[in-house]
mmCIF file of all heavy atoms, coordinates in Angstrom:
data_MODEL
# 
_entry.id   MODEL 
# 
loop_
_atom_site.group_PDB 
_atom_site.id 
_atom_site.type_symbol 
_atom_site.label_atom_id 
_atom_site.label_alt_id 
_atom_site.label_comp_id 
_atom_site.label_asym_id 
_atom_site.label_entity_id 
_atom_site.label_seq_id 
_atom_site.pdbx_PDB_ins_code 
_atom_site.Cartn_x 
_atom_site.Cartn_y 
_atom_site.Cartn_z 
_atom_site.occupancy 
_atom_site.B_iso_or_equiv 
_atom_site.pdbx_formal_charge 
_atom_site.auth_seq_id 
_atom_site.auth_comp_id 
_atom_site.auth_asym_id 
_atom_site.auth_atom_id 
_atom_site.pdbx_PDB_model_num 
ATOM 1   N N   . CYS A 1 1  ? 0.862   1.731   -1.694  1.00 0.00 ? 1  CYS A N   1 
ATOM 2   C CA  . CYS A 1 1  ? 1.810   2.068   -0.656  1.00 0.00 ? 1  CYS A CA  1 
ATOM 3   C C   . CYS A 1 1  ? 2.807   0.908   -0.440  1.00 0.00 ? 1  CYS A C   1 
ATOM 4   O O   . CYS A 1 1  ? 4.019   1.060   -0.367  1.00 0.00 ? 1  CYS A O   1 
ATOM 5   C CB  . CYS A 1 1  ? 1.140   2.407   0.607   1.00 0.00 ? 1  CYS A CB  1 
ATOM 6   S SG  . CYS A 1 1  ? -0.012  3.787   0.520   1.00 0.00 ? 1  CYS A SG  1 
ATOM 7   N N   . VAL A 1 2  ? 2.215   -0.293  -0.308  1.00 0.00 ? 2  VAL A N   1 
ATOM 8   C CA  . VAL A 1 2  ? 3.006   -1.508  -0.092  1.00 0.00 ? 2  VAL A CA  1 
ATOM 9   C C   . VAL A 1 2  ? 2.274   -2.604  -0.932  1.00 0.00 ? 2  VAL A C   1 
ATOM 10  O O   . VAL A 1 2  ? 1.077   -2.851  -0.790  1.00 0.00 ? 2  VAL A O   1 
ATOM 11  C CB  . VAL A 1 2  ? 3.145   -1.976  1.385   1.00 0.00 ? 2  VAL A CB  1 
ATOM 12  C CG1 . VAL A 1 2  ? 3.828   -3.300  1.440   1.00 0.00 ? 2  VAL A CG1 1 
ATOM 13  C CG2 . VAL A 1 2  ? 3.813   -0.913  2.206   1.00 0.00 ? 2  VAL A CG2 1 
ATOM 14  N N   . MET A 1 3  ? 3.070   -3.263  -1.784  1.00 0.00 ? 3  MET A N   1 
ATOM 15  C CA  . MET A 1 3  ? 2.627   -4.496  -2.471  1.00 0.00 ? 3  MET A CA  1 
ATOM 16  C C   . MET A 1 3  ? 3.495   -5.657  -2.105  1.00 0.00 ? 3  MET A C   1 
ATOM 17  O O   . MET A 1 3  ? 4.719   -5.512  -2.175  1.00 0.00 ? 3  MET A O   1 
ATOM 18  C CB  . MET A 1 3  ? 2.662   -4.286  -3.908  1.00 0.00 ? 3  MET A CB  1 
ATOM 19  C CG  . MET A 1 3  ? 2.295   -5.561  -4.733  1.00 0.00 ? 3  MET A CG  1 
ATOM 20  S SD  . MET A 1 3  ? 2.691   -5.548  -6.496  1.00 0.00 ? 3  MET A SD  1 
ATOM 21  C CE  . MET A 1 3  ? 1.311   -4.596  -7.056  1.00 0.00 ? 3  MET A CE  1 
ATOM 22  N N   . LEU A 1 4  ? 2.868   -6.740  -1.605  1.00 0.00 ? 4  LEU A N   1 
ATOM 23  C CA  . LEU A 1 4  ? 3.604   -7.953  -1.323  1.00 0.00 ? 4  LEU A CA  1 
ATOM 24  C C   . LEU A 1 4  ? 3.250   -8.879  -2.515  1.00 0.00 ? 4  LEU A C   1 
ATOM 25  O O   . LEU A 1 4  ? 2.122   -9.363  -2.640  1.00 0.00 ? 4  LEU A O   1 
ATOM 26  C CB  . LEU A 1 4  ? 3.199   -8.579  -0.001  1.00 0.00 ? 4  LEU A CB  1 
ATOM 27  C CG  . LEU A 1 4  ? 3.348   -7.649  1.170   1.00 0.00 ? 4  LEU A CG  1 
ATOM 28  C CD1 . LEU A 1 4  ? 2.910   -8.447  2.448   1.00 0.00 ? 4  LEU A CD1 1 
ATOM 29  C CD2 . LEU A 1 4  ? 4.740   -7.134  1.327   1.00 0.00 ? 4  LEU A CD2 1 
ATOM 30  N N   . ASP A 1 5  ? 4.262   -9.248  -3.325  1.00 0.00 ? 5  ASP A N   1 
ATOM 31  C CA  . ASP A 1 5  ? 4.029   -9.970  -4.542  1.00 0.00 ? 5  ASP A CA  1 
ATOM 32  C C   . ASP A 1 5  ? 4.812   -11.265 -4.429  1.00 0.00 ? 5  ASP A C   1 
ATOM 33  O O   . ASP A 1 5  ? 6.049   -11.302 -4.439  1.00 0.00 ? 5  ASP A O   1 
ATOM 34  C CB  . ASP A 1 5  ? 4.478   -9.138  -5.798  1.00 0.00 ? 5  ASP A CB  1 
ATOM 35  C CG  . ASP A 1 5  ? 4.237   -9.917  -7.096  1.00 0.00 ? 5  ASP A CG  1 
ATOM 36  O OD1 . ASP A 1 5  ? 3.545   -10.922 -7.065  1.00 0.00 ? 5  ASP A OD1 1 
ATOM 37  O OD2 . ASP A 1 5  ? 4.898   -9.512  -8.100  1.00 0.00 ? 5  ASP A OD2 1 
ATOM 38  N N   . ASN A 1 6  ? 4.053   -12.358 -4.251  1.00 0.00 ? 6  ASN A N   1 
ATOM 39  C CA  . ASN A 1 6  ? 4.636   -13.722 -4.139  1.00 0.00 ? 6  ASN A CA  1 
ATOM 40  C C   . ASN A 1 6  ? 5.621   -13.675 -2.934  1.00 0.00 ? 6  ASN A C   1 
ATOM 41  O O   . ASN A 1 6  ? 6.765   -14.236 -3.057  1.00 0.00 ? 6  ASN A O   1 
ATOM 42  C CB  . ASN A 1 6  ? 5.305   -14.139 -5.386  1.00 0.00 ? 6  ASN A CB  1 
ATOM 43  C CG  . ASN A 1 6  ? 4.349   -14.659 -6.425  1.00 0.00 ? 6  ASN A CG  1 
ATOM 44  O OD1 . ASN A 1 6  ? 3.479   -15.437 -6.101  1.00 0.00 ? 6  ASN A OD1 1 
ATOM 45  N ND2 . ASN A 1 6  ? 4.444   -14.101 -7.648  1.00 0.00 ? 6  ASN A ND2 1 
ATOM 46  N N   . CYS A 1 7  ? 5.180   -13.143 -1.806  1.00 0.00 ? 7  CYS A N   1 
ATOM 47  C CA  . CYS A 1 7  ? 5.988   -13.051 -0.565  1.00 0.00 ? 7  CYS A CA  1 
ATOM 48  C C   . CYS A 1 7  ? 5.477   -14.028 0.505   1.00 0.00 ? 7  CYS A C   1 
ATOM 49  O O   . CYS A 1 7  ? 4.267   -14.297 0.444   1.00 0.00 ? 7  CYS A O   1 
ATOM 50  C CB  . CYS A 1 7  ? 6.059   -11.658 -0.039  1.00 0.00 ? 7  CYS A CB  1 
ATOM 51  S SG  . CYS A 1 7  ? 6.859   -10.441 -1.046  1.00 0.00 ? 7  CYS A SG  1 
ATOM 52  N N   . LYS A 1 8  ? 6.327   -14.530 1.291   1.00 0.00 ? 8  LYS A N   1 
ATOM 53  C CA  . LYS A 1 8  ? 5.952   -15.350 2.463   1.00 0.00 ? 8  LYS A CA  1 
ATOM 54  C C   . LYS A 1 8  ? 6.609   -14.844 3.688   1.00 0.00 ? 8  LYS A C   1 
ATOM 55  O O   . LYS A 1 8  ? 7.773   -14.382 3.654   1.00 0.00 ? 8  LYS A O   1 
ATOM 56  C CB  . LYS A 1 8  ? 6.383   -16.789 2.224   1.00 0.00 ? 8  LYS A CB  1 
ATOM 57  C CG  . LYS A 1 8  ? 5.551   -17.481 1.116   1.00 0.00 ? 8  LYS A CG  1 
ATOM 58  C CD  . LYS A 1 8  ? 5.939   -18.968 1.001   1.00 0.00 ? 8  LYS A CD  1 
ATOM 59  C CE  . LYS A 1 8  ? 5.005   -19.665 0.021   1.00 0.00 ? 8  LYS A CE  1 
ATOM 60  N NZ  . LYS A 1 8  ? 5.326   -21.118 -0.101  1.00 0.00 ? 8  LYS A NZ  1 
ATOM 61  N N   . TYR A 1 9  ? 5.846   -14.934 4.782   1.00 0.00 ? 9  TYR A N   1 
ATOM 62  C CA  . TYR A 1 9  ? 6.351   -14.616 6.092   1.00 0.00 ? 9  TYR A CA  1 
ATOM 63  C C   . TYR A 1 9  ? 6.866   -13.124 6.145   1.00 0.00 ? 9  TYR A C   1 
ATOM 64  O O   . TYR A 1 9  ? 7.712   -12.809 6.961   1.00 0.00 ? 9  TYR A O   1 
ATOM 65  C CB  . TYR A 1 9  ? 7.457   -15.562 6.531   1.00 0.00 ? 9  TYR A CB  1 
ATOM 66  C CG  . TYR A 1 9  ? 6.980   -16.951 6.639   1.00 0.00 ? 9  TYR A CG  1 
ATOM 67  C CD1 . TYR A 1 9  ? 7.391   -17.902 5.581   1.00 0.00 ? 9  TYR A CD1 1 
ATOM 68  C CD2 . TYR A 1 9  ? 6.183   -17.426 7.605   1.00 0.00 ? 9  TYR A CD2 1 
ATOM 69  C CE1 . TYR A 1 9  ? 6.960   -19.239 5.628   1.00 0.00 ? 9  TYR A CE1 1 
ATOM 70  C CE2 . TYR A 1 9  ? 5.802   -18.749 7.676   1.00 0.00 ? 9  TYR A CE2 1 
ATOM 71  C CZ  . TYR A 1 9  ? 6.077   -19.658 6.642   1.00 0.00 ? 9  TYR A CZ  1 
ATOM 72  O OH  . TYR A 1 9  ? 5.727   -20.969 6.759   1.00 0.00 ? 9  TYR A OH  1 
ATOM 73  N N   . THR A 1 10 ? 6.310   -12.232 5.368   1.00 0.00 ? 10 THR A N   1 
ATOM 74  C CA  . THR A 1 10 ? 6.691   -10.844 5.436   1.00 0.00 ? 10 THR A CA  1 
ATOM 75  C C   . THR A 1 10 ? 5.750   -10.139 6.408   1.00 0.00 ? 10 THR A C   1 
ATOM 76  O O   . THR A 1 10 ? 4.586   -10.630 6.604   1.00 0.00 ? 10 THR A O   1 
ATOM 77  C CB  . THR A 1 10 ? 6.712   -10.164 4.061   1.00 0.00 ? 10 THR A CB  1 
ATOM 78  O OG1 . THR A 1 10 ? 5.355   -10.267 3.488   1.00 0.00 ? 10 THR A OG1 1 
ATOM 79  C CG2 . THR A 1 10 ? 7.649   -10.746 3.120   1.00 0.00 ? 10 THR A CG2 1 
ATOM 80  N N   . ARG A 1 11 ? 6.134   -9.011  6.896   1.00 0.00 ? 11 ARG A N   1 
ATOM 81  C CA  . ARG A 1 11 ? 5.365   -8.249  7.894   1.00 0.00 ? 11 ARG A CA  1 
ATOM 82  C C   . ARG A 1 11 ? 5.333   -6.851  7.573   1.00 0.00 ? 11 ARG A C   1 
ATOM 83  O O   . ARG A 1 11 ? 6.366   -6.197  7.247   1.00 0.00 ? 11 ARG A O   1 
ATOM 84  C CB  . ARG A 1 11 ? 5.900   -8.514  9.295   1.00 0.00 ? 11 ARG A CB  1 
ATOM 85  C CG  . ARG A 1 11 ? 5.023   -7.972  10.397  1.00 0.00 ? 11 ARG A CG  1 
ATOM 86  C CD  . ARG A 1 11 ? 5.612   -8.321  11.767  1.00 0.00 ? 11 ARG A CD  1 
ATOM 87  N NE  . ARG A 1 11 ? 4.783   -7.880  12.801  1.00 0.00 ? 11 ARG A NE  1 
ATOM 88  C CZ  . ARG A 1 11 ? 5.086   -7.949  14.155  1.00 0.00 ? 11 ARG A CZ  1 
ATOM 89  N NH1 . ARG A 1 11 ? 6.234   -8.547  14.511  1.00 0.00 ? 11 ARG A NH1 1 
ATOM 90  N NH2 . ARG A 1 11 ? 4.234   -7.523  15.041  1.00 0.00 ? 11 ARG A NH2 1 
ATOM 91  N N   . VAL A 1 12 ? 4.163   -6.236  7.595   1.00 0.00 ? 12 VAL A N   1 
ATOM 92  C CA  . VAL A 1 12 ? 3.926   -4.773  7.428   1.00 0.00 ? 12 VAL A CA  1 
ATOM 93  C C   . VAL A 1 12 ? 3.353   -4.319  8.741   1.00 0.00 ? 12 VAL A C   1 
ATOM 94  O O   . VAL A 1 12 ? 2.153   -4.619  9.026   1.00 0.00 ? 12 VAL A O   1 
ATOM 95  C CB  . VAL A 1 12 ? 3.033   -4.525  6.217   1.00 0.00 ? 12 VAL A CB  1 
ATOM 96  C CG1 . VAL A 1 12 ? 2.828   -2.997  6.050   1.00 0.00 ? 12 VAL A CG1 1 
ATOM 97  C CG2 . VAL A 1 12 ? 3.539   -5.071  4.931   1.00 0.00 ? 12 VAL A CG2 1 
ATOM 98  N N   . THR A 1 13 ? 4.078   -3.541  9.505   1.00 0.00 ? 13 THR A N   1 
ATOM 99  C CA  . THR A 1 13 ? 3.710   -3.270  10.935  1.00 0.00 ? 13 THR A CA  1 
ATOM 100 C C   . THR A 1 13 ? 3.921   -1.810  11.306  1.00 0.00 ? 13 THR A C   1 
ATOM 101 O O   . THR A 1 13 ? 4.978   -1.197  10.920  1.00 0.00 ? 13 THR A O   1 
ATOM 102 C CB  . THR A 1 13 ? 4.338   -4.190  11.869  1.00 0.00 ? 13 THR A CB  1 
ATOM 103 O OG1 . THR A 1 13 ? 3.869   -4.064  13.190  1.00 0.00 ? 13 THR A OG1 1 
ATOM 104 C CG2 . THR A 1 13 ? 5.890   -4.076  11.885  1.00 0.00 ? 13 THR A CG2 1 
ATOM 105 N N   . ARG A 1 14 ? 3.050   -1.295  12.066  1.00 0.00 ? 14 ARG A N   1 
ATOM 106 C CA  . ARG A 1 14 ? 3.173   0.089   12.732  1.00 0.00 ? 14 ARG A CA  1 
ATOM 107 C C   . ARG A 1 14 ? 3.405   1.240   11.751  1.00 0.00 ? 14 ARG A C   1 
ATOM 108 O O   . ARG A 1 14 ? 4.209   2.116   12.013  1.00 0.00 ? 14 ARG A O   1 
ATOM 109 C CB  . ARG A 1 14 ? 4.276   0.029   13.784  1.00 0.00 ? 14 ARG A CB  1 
ATOM 110 C CG  . ARG A 1 14 ? 3.957   -1.011  14.916  1.00 0.00 ? 14 ARG A CG  1 
ATOM 111 C CD  . ARG A 1 14 ? 4.870   -0.840  16.092  1.00 0.00 ? 14 ARG A CD  1 
ATOM 112 N NE  . ARG A 1 14 ? 4.698   -1.940  17.079  1.00 0.00 ? 14 ARG A NE  1 
ATOM 113 C CZ  . ARG A 1 14 ? 3.780   -1.897  18.064  1.00 0.00 ? 14 ARG A CZ  1 
ATOM 114 N NH1 . ARG A 1 14 ? 2.908   -0.864  18.080  1.00 0.00 ? 14 ARG A NH1 1 
ATOM 115 N NH2 . ARG A 1 14 ? 3.634   -2.835  18.896  1.00 0.00 ? 14 ARG A NH2 1 
ATOM 116 N N   . ASN A 1 15 ? 2.767   1.113   10.544  1.00 0.00 ? 15 ASN A N   1 
ATOM 117 C CA  . ASN A 1 15 ? 2.856   2.241   9.585   1.00 0.00 ? 15 ASN A CA  1 
ATOM 118 C C   . ASN A 1 15 ? 1.582   3.014   9.630   1.00 0.00 ? 15 ASN A C   1 
ATOM 119 O O   . ASN A 1 15 ? 0.490   2.581   10.133  1.00 0.00 ? 15 ASN A O   1 
ATOM 120 C CB  . ASN A 1 15 ? 3.075   1.650   8.231   1.00 0.00 ? 15 ASN A CB  1 
ATOM 121 C CG  . ASN A 1 15 ? 4.322   0.795   8.145   1.00 0.00 ? 15 ASN A CG  1 
ATOM 122 O OD1 . ASN A 1 15 ? 5.456   1.262   8.059   1.00 0.00 ? 15 ASN A OD1 1 
ATOM 123 N ND2 . ASN A 1 15 ? 4.131   -0.538  8.101   1.00 0.00 ? 15 ASN A ND2 1 
ATOM 124 N N   . VAL A 1 16 ? 1.653   4.208   8.944   1.00 0.00 ? 16 VAL A N   1 
ATOM 125 C CA  . VAL A 1 16 ? 0.399   5.030   8.731   1.00 0.00 ? 16 VAL A CA  1 
ATOM 126 C C   . VAL A 1 16 ? 0.217   5.145   7.218   1.00 0.00 ? 16 VAL A C   1 
ATOM 127 O O   . VAL A 1 16 ? 1.174   5.465   6.527   1.00 0.00 ? 16 VAL A O   1 
ATOM 128 C CB  . VAL A 1 16 ? 0.545   6.395   9.392   1.00 0.00 ? 16 VAL A CB  1 
ATOM 129 C CG1 . VAL A 1 16 ? -0.642  7.299   9.012   1.00 0.00 ? 16 VAL A CG1 1 
ATOM 130 C CG2 . VAL A 1 16 ? 0.746   6.340   10.891  1.00 0.00 ? 16 VAL A CG2 1 
ATOM 131 N N   . PHE A 1 17 ? -0.972  4.836   6.744   1.00 0.00 ? 17 PHE A N   1 
ATOM 132 C CA  . PHE A 1 17 ? -1.311  4.941   5.333   1.00 0.00 ? 17 PHE A CA  1 
ATOM 133 C C   . PHE A 1 17 ? -2.304  6.013   5.129   1.00 0.00 ? 17 PHE A C   1 
ATOM 134 O O   . PHE A 1 17 ? -3.497  5.915   5.559   1.00 0.00 ? 17 PHE A O   1 
ATOM 135 C CB  . PHE A 1 17 ? -1.775  3.563   4.874   1.00 0.00 ? 17 PHE A CB  1 
ATOM 136 C CG  . PHE A 1 17 ? -0.780  2.406   4.998   1.00 0.00 ? 17 PHE A CG  1 
ATOM 137 C CD1 . PHE A 1 17 ? -0.858  1.567   6.051   1.00 0.00 ? 17 PHE A CD1 1 
ATOM 138 C CD2 . PHE A 1 17 ? 0.202   2.336   4.007   1.00 0.00 ? 17 PHE A CD2 1 
ATOM 139 C CE1 . PHE A 1 17 ? 0.109   0.551   6.139   1.00 0.00 ? 17 PHE A CE1 1 
ATOM 140 C CE2 . PHE A 1 17 ? 1.140   1.312   4.123   1.00 0.00 ? 17 PHE A CE2 1 
ATOM 141 C CZ  . PHE A 1 17 ? 1.139   0.377   5.174   1.00 0.00 ? 17 PHE A CZ  1 
ATOM 142 N N   . ARG A 1 18 ? -1.855  7.066   4.485   1.00 0.00 ? 18 ARG A N   1 
ATOM 143 C CA  . ARG A 1 18 ? -2.767  8.171   4.080   1.00 0.00 ? 18 ARG A CA  1 
ATOM 144 C C   . ARG A 1 18 ? -2.291  8.757   2.742   1.00 0.00 ? 18 ARG A C   1 
ATOM 145 O O   . ARG A 1 18 ? -1.949  9.876   2.611   1.00 0.00 ? 18 ARG A O   1 
ATOM 146 C CB  . ARG A 1 18 ? -2.863  9.212   5.140   1.00 0.00 ? 18 ARG A CB  1 
ATOM 147 C CG  . ARG A 1 18 ? -1.571  9.790   5.657   1.00 0.00 ? 18 ARG A CG  1 
ATOM 148 C CD  . ARG A 1 18 ? -1.815  10.896  6.670   1.00 0.00 ? 18 ARG A CD  1 
ATOM 149 N NE  . ARG A 1 18 ? -0.553  11.461  7.155   1.00 0.00 ? 18 ARG A NE  1 
ATOM 150 C CZ  . ARG A 1 18 ? -0.212  11.526  8.454   1.00 0.00 ? 18 ARG A CZ  1 
ATOM 151 N NH1 . ARG A 1 18 ? -1.011  11.079  9.396   1.00 0.00 ? 18 ARG A NH1 1 
ATOM 152 N NH2 . ARG A 1 18 ? 0.929   12.103  8.722   1.00 0.00 ? 18 ARG A NH2 1 
ATOM 153 N N   . PRO A 1 19 ? -2.261  7.938   1.674   1.00 0.00 ? 19 PRO A N   1 
ATOM 154 C CA  . PRO A 1 19 ? -1.694  8.405   0.386   1.00 0.00 ? 19 PRO A CA  1 
ATOM 155 C C   . PRO A 1 19 ? -2.654  9.419   -0.195  1.00 0.00 ? 19 PRO A C   1 
ATOM 156 O O   . PRO A 1 19 ? -3.794  9.643   0.186   1.00 0.00 ? 19 PRO A O   1 
ATOM 157 C CB  . PRO A 1 19 ? -1.762  7.130   -0.406  1.00 0.00 ? 19 PRO A CB  1 
ATOM 158 C CG  . PRO A 1 19 ? -2.829  6.203   0.217   1.00 0.00 ? 19 PRO A CG  1 
ATOM 159 C CD  . PRO A 1 19 ? -2.729  6.537   1.651   1.00 0.00 ? 19 PRO A CD  1 
ATOM 160 N N   . LYS A 1 20 ? -2.034  10.170  -1.187  1.00 0.00 ? 20 LYS A N   1 
ATOM 161 C CA  . LYS A 1 20 ? -2.746  11.260  -1.824  1.00 0.00 ? 20 LYS A CA  1 
ATOM 162 C C   . LYS A 1 20 ? -3.665  10.717  -2.947  1.00 0.00 ? 20 LYS A C   1 
ATOM 163 O O   . LYS A 1 20 ? -3.147  10.256  -3.991  1.00 0.00 ? 20 LYS A O   1 
ATOM 164 C CB  . LYS A 1 20 ? -1.788  12.335  -2.363  1.00 0.00 ? 20 LYS A CB  1 
ATOM 165 C CG  . LYS A 1 20 ? -0.823  12.803  -1.319  1.00 0.00 ? 20 LYS A CG  1 
ATOM 166 C CD  . LYS A 1 20 ? -1.522  13.509  -0.149  1.00 0.00 ? 20 LYS A CD  1 
ATOM 167 C CE  . LYS A 1 20 ? -0.552  14.099  0.879   1.00 0.00 ? 20 LYS A CE  1 
ATOM 168 N NZ  . LYS A 1 20 ? -1.208  14.625  2.072   1.00 0.00 ? 20 LYS A NZ  1 
ATOM 169 N N   . GLU A 1 21 ? -4.942  10.752  -2.745  1.00 0.00 ? 21 GLU A N   1 
ATOM 170 C CA  . GLU A 1 21 ? -5.857  10.240  -3.776  1.00 0.00 ? 21 GLU A CA  1 
ATOM 171 C C   . GLU A 1 21 ? -6.150  11.381  -4.837  1.00 0.00 ? 21 GLU A C   1 
ATOM 172 O O   . GLU A 1 21 ? -6.234  12.565  -4.521  1.00 0.00 ? 21 GLU A O   1 
ATOM 173 C CB  . GLU A 1 21 ? -7.172  9.787   -3.182  1.00 0.00 ? 21 GLU A CB  1 
ATOM 174 C CG  . GLU A 1 21 ? -6.953  8.614   -2.270  1.00 0.00 ? 21 GLU A CG  1 
ATOM 175 C CD  . GLU A 1 21 ? -8.291  7.917   -1.854  1.00 0.00 ? 21 GLU A CD  1 
ATOM 176 O OE1 . GLU A 1 21 ? -9.177  8.664   -1.525  1.00 0.00 ? 21 GLU A OE1 1 
ATOM 177 O OE2 . GLU A 1 21 ? -8.351  6.758   -1.977  1.00 0.00 ? 21 GLU A OE2 1 
ATOM 178 N N   . ARG A 1 22 ? -6.237  10.967  -6.090  1.00 0.00 ? 22 ARG A N   1 
ATOM 179 C CA  . ARG A 1 22 ? -6.526  11.895  -7.148  1.00 0.00 ? 22 ARG A CA  1 
ATOM 180 C C   . ARG A 1 22 ? -7.981  12.209  -7.160  1.00 0.00 ? 22 ARG A C   1 
ATOM 181 O O   . ARG A 1 22 ? -8.888  11.424  -6.830  1.00 0.00 ? 22 ARG A O   1 
ATOM 182 C CB  . ARG A 1 22 ? -6.136  11.346  -8.517  1.00 0.00 ? 22 ARG A CB  1 
ATOM 183 C CG  . ARG A 1 22 ? -4.614  11.017  -8.612  1.00 0.00 ? 22 ARG A CG  1 
ATOM 184 C CD  . ARG A 1 22 ? -4.357  10.122  -9.856  1.00 0.00 ? 22 ARG A CD  1 
ATOM 185 N NE  . ARG A 1 22 ? -2.898  9.855   -9.890  1.00 0.00 ? 22 ARG A NE  1 
ATOM 186 C CZ  . ARG A 1 22 ? -2.087  10.429  -10.808 1.00 0.00 ? 22 ARG A CZ  1 
ATOM 187 N NH1 . ARG A 1 22 ? -2.566  11.328  -11.580 1.00 0.00 ? 22 ARG A NH1 1 
ATOM 188 N NH2 . ARG A 1 22 ? -0.817  10.133  -10.831 1.00 0.00 ? 22 ARG A NH2 1 
ATOM 189 N N   . ALA A 1 23 ? -8.305  13.474  -7.686  1.00 0.00 ? 23 ALA A N   1 
ATOM 190 C CA  . ALA A 1 23 ? -9.753  13.762  -7.796  1.00 0.00 ? 23 ALA A CA  1 
ATOM 191 C C   . ALA A 1 23 ? -10.439 12.911  -8.741  1.00 0.00 ? 23 ALA A C   1 
ATOM 192 O O   . ALA A 1 23 ? -11.563 12.452  -8.615  1.00 0.00 ? 23 ALA A O   1 
ATOM 193 C CB  . ALA A 1 23 ? -9.824  15.198  -8.178  1.00 0.00 ? 23 ALA A CB  1 
ATOM 194 N N   . ARG A 1 24 ? -9.747  12.465  -9.864  1.00 0.00 ? 24 ARG A N   1 
ATOM 195 C CA  . ARG A 1 24 ? -10.247 11.534  -10.849 1.00 0.00 ? 24 ARG A CA  1 
ATOM 196 C C   . ARG A 1 24 ? -9.230  10.423  -11.070 1.00 0.00 ? 24 ARG A C   1 
ATOM 197 O O   . ARG A 1 24 ? -8.385  10.587  -11.930 1.00 0.00 ? 24 ARG A O   1 
ATOM 198 C CB  . ARG A 1 24 ? -10.574 12.254  -12.193 1.00 0.00 ? 24 ARG A CB  1 
ATOM 199 C CG  . ARG A 1 24 ? -11.752 13.252  -12.043 1.00 0.00 ? 24 ARG A CG  1 
ATOM 200 C CD  . ARG A 1 24 ? -12.068 13.825  -13.427 1.00 0.00 ? 24 ARG A CD  1 
ATOM 201 N NE  . ARG A 1 24 ? -13.161 14.746  -13.325 1.00 0.00 ? 24 ARG A NE  1 
ATOM 202 C CZ  . ARG A 1 24 ? -14.475 14.366  -13.383 1.00 0.00 ? 24 ARG A CZ  1 
ATOM 203 N NH1 . ARG A 1 24 ? -14.750 13.102  -13.599 1.00 0.00 ? 24 ARG A NH1 1 
ATOM 204 N NH2 . ARG A 1 24 ? -15.479 15.258  -13.296 1.00 0.00 ? 24 ARG A NH2 1 
ATOM 205 N N   . PRO A 1 25 ? -9.274  9.375   -10.245 1.00 0.00 ? 25 PRO A N   1 
ATOM 206 C CA  . PRO A 1 25 ? -8.241  8.341   -10.375 1.00 0.00 ? 25 PRO A CA  1 
ATOM 207 C C   . PRO A 1 25 ? -8.258  7.637   -11.748 1.00 0.00 ? 25 PRO A C   1 
ATOM 208 O O   . PRO A 1 25 ? -9.305  7.488   -12.336 1.00 0.00 ? 25 PRO A O   1 
ATOM 209 C CB  . PRO A 1 25 ? -8.660  7.309   -9.280  1.00 0.00 ? 25 PRO A CB  1 
ATOM 210 C CG  . PRO A 1 25 ? -10.128 7.572   -9.039  1.00 0.00 ? 25 PRO A CG  1 
ATOM 211 C CD  . PRO A 1 25 ? -10.291 9.036   -9.266  1.00 0.00 ? 25 PRO A CD  1 
ATOM 212 N N   . ARG A 1 26 ? -7.088  7.271   -12.198 1.00 0.00 ? 26 ARG A N   1 
ATOM 213 C CA  . ARG A 1 26 ? -6.977  6.593   -13.464 1.00 0.00 ? 26 ARG A CA  1 
ATOM 214 C C   . ARG A 1 26 ? -7.516  5.151   -13.379 1.00 0.00 ? 26 ARG A C   1 
ATOM 215 O O   . ARG A 1 26 ? -7.922  4.581   -14.326 1.00 0.00 ? 26 ARG A O   1 
ATOM 216 C CB  . ARG A 1 26 ? -5.513  6.520   -13.924 1.00 0.00 ? 26 ARG A CB  1 
ATOM 217 C CG  . ARG A 1 26 ? -5.056  7.880   -14.463 1.00 0.00 ? 26 ARG A CG  1 
ATOM 218 C CD  . ARG A 1 26 ? -3.597  7.847   -14.833 1.00 0.00 ? 26 ARG A CD  1 
ATOM 219 N NE  . ARG A 1 26 ? -2.754  7.821   -13.675 1.00 0.00 ? 26 ARG A NE  1 
ATOM 220 C CZ  . ARG A 1 26 ? -1.375  7.843   -13.773 1.00 0.00 ? 26 ARG A CZ  1 
ATOM 221 N NH1 . ARG A 1 26 ? -0.810  7.882   -14.916 1.00 0.00 ? 26 ARG A NH1 1 
ATOM 222 N NH2 . ARG A 1 26 ? -0.688  7.811   -12.726 1.00 0.00 ? 26 ARG A NH2 1 
ATOM 223 N N   . HIS A 1 27 ? -7.392  4.551   -12.208 1.00 0.00 ? 27 HIS A N   1 
ATOM 224 C CA  . HIS A 1 27 ? -8.002  3.233   -12.077 1.00 0.00 ? 27 HIS A CA  1 
ATOM 225 C C   . HIS A 1 27 ? -8.202  3.077   -10.464 1.00 0.00 ? 27 HIS A C   1 
ATOM 226 O O   . HIS A 1 27 ? -7.983  3.972   -9.720  1.00 0.00 ? 27 HIS A O   1 
ATOM 227 C CB  . HIS A 1 27 ? -6.985  2.129   -12.503 1.00 0.00 ? 27 HIS A CB  1 
ATOM 228 C CG  . HIS A 1 27 ? -5.634  2.268   -12.093 1.00 0.00 ? 27 HIS A CG  1 
ATOM 229 N ND1 . HIS A 1 27 ? -5.219  1.979   -10.778 1.00 0.00 ? 27 HIS A ND1 1 
ATOM 230 C CD2 . HIS A 1 27 ? -4.497  2.656   -12.709 1.00 0.00 ? 27 HIS A CD2 1 
ATOM 231 C CE1 . HIS A 1 27 ? -3.940  2.235   -10.671 1.00 0.00 ? 27 HIS A CE1 1 
ATOM 232 N NE2 . HIS A 1 27 ? -3.478  2.625   -11.828 1.00 0.00 ? 27 HIS A NE2 1 
# 
């Protein structure tokens, strides 16, 4: 949903995370 890659002082705030999971995930 969110990836912080080599980030500094970033903020992830007041979100809702409910992604759709696969019955058989690839990884």
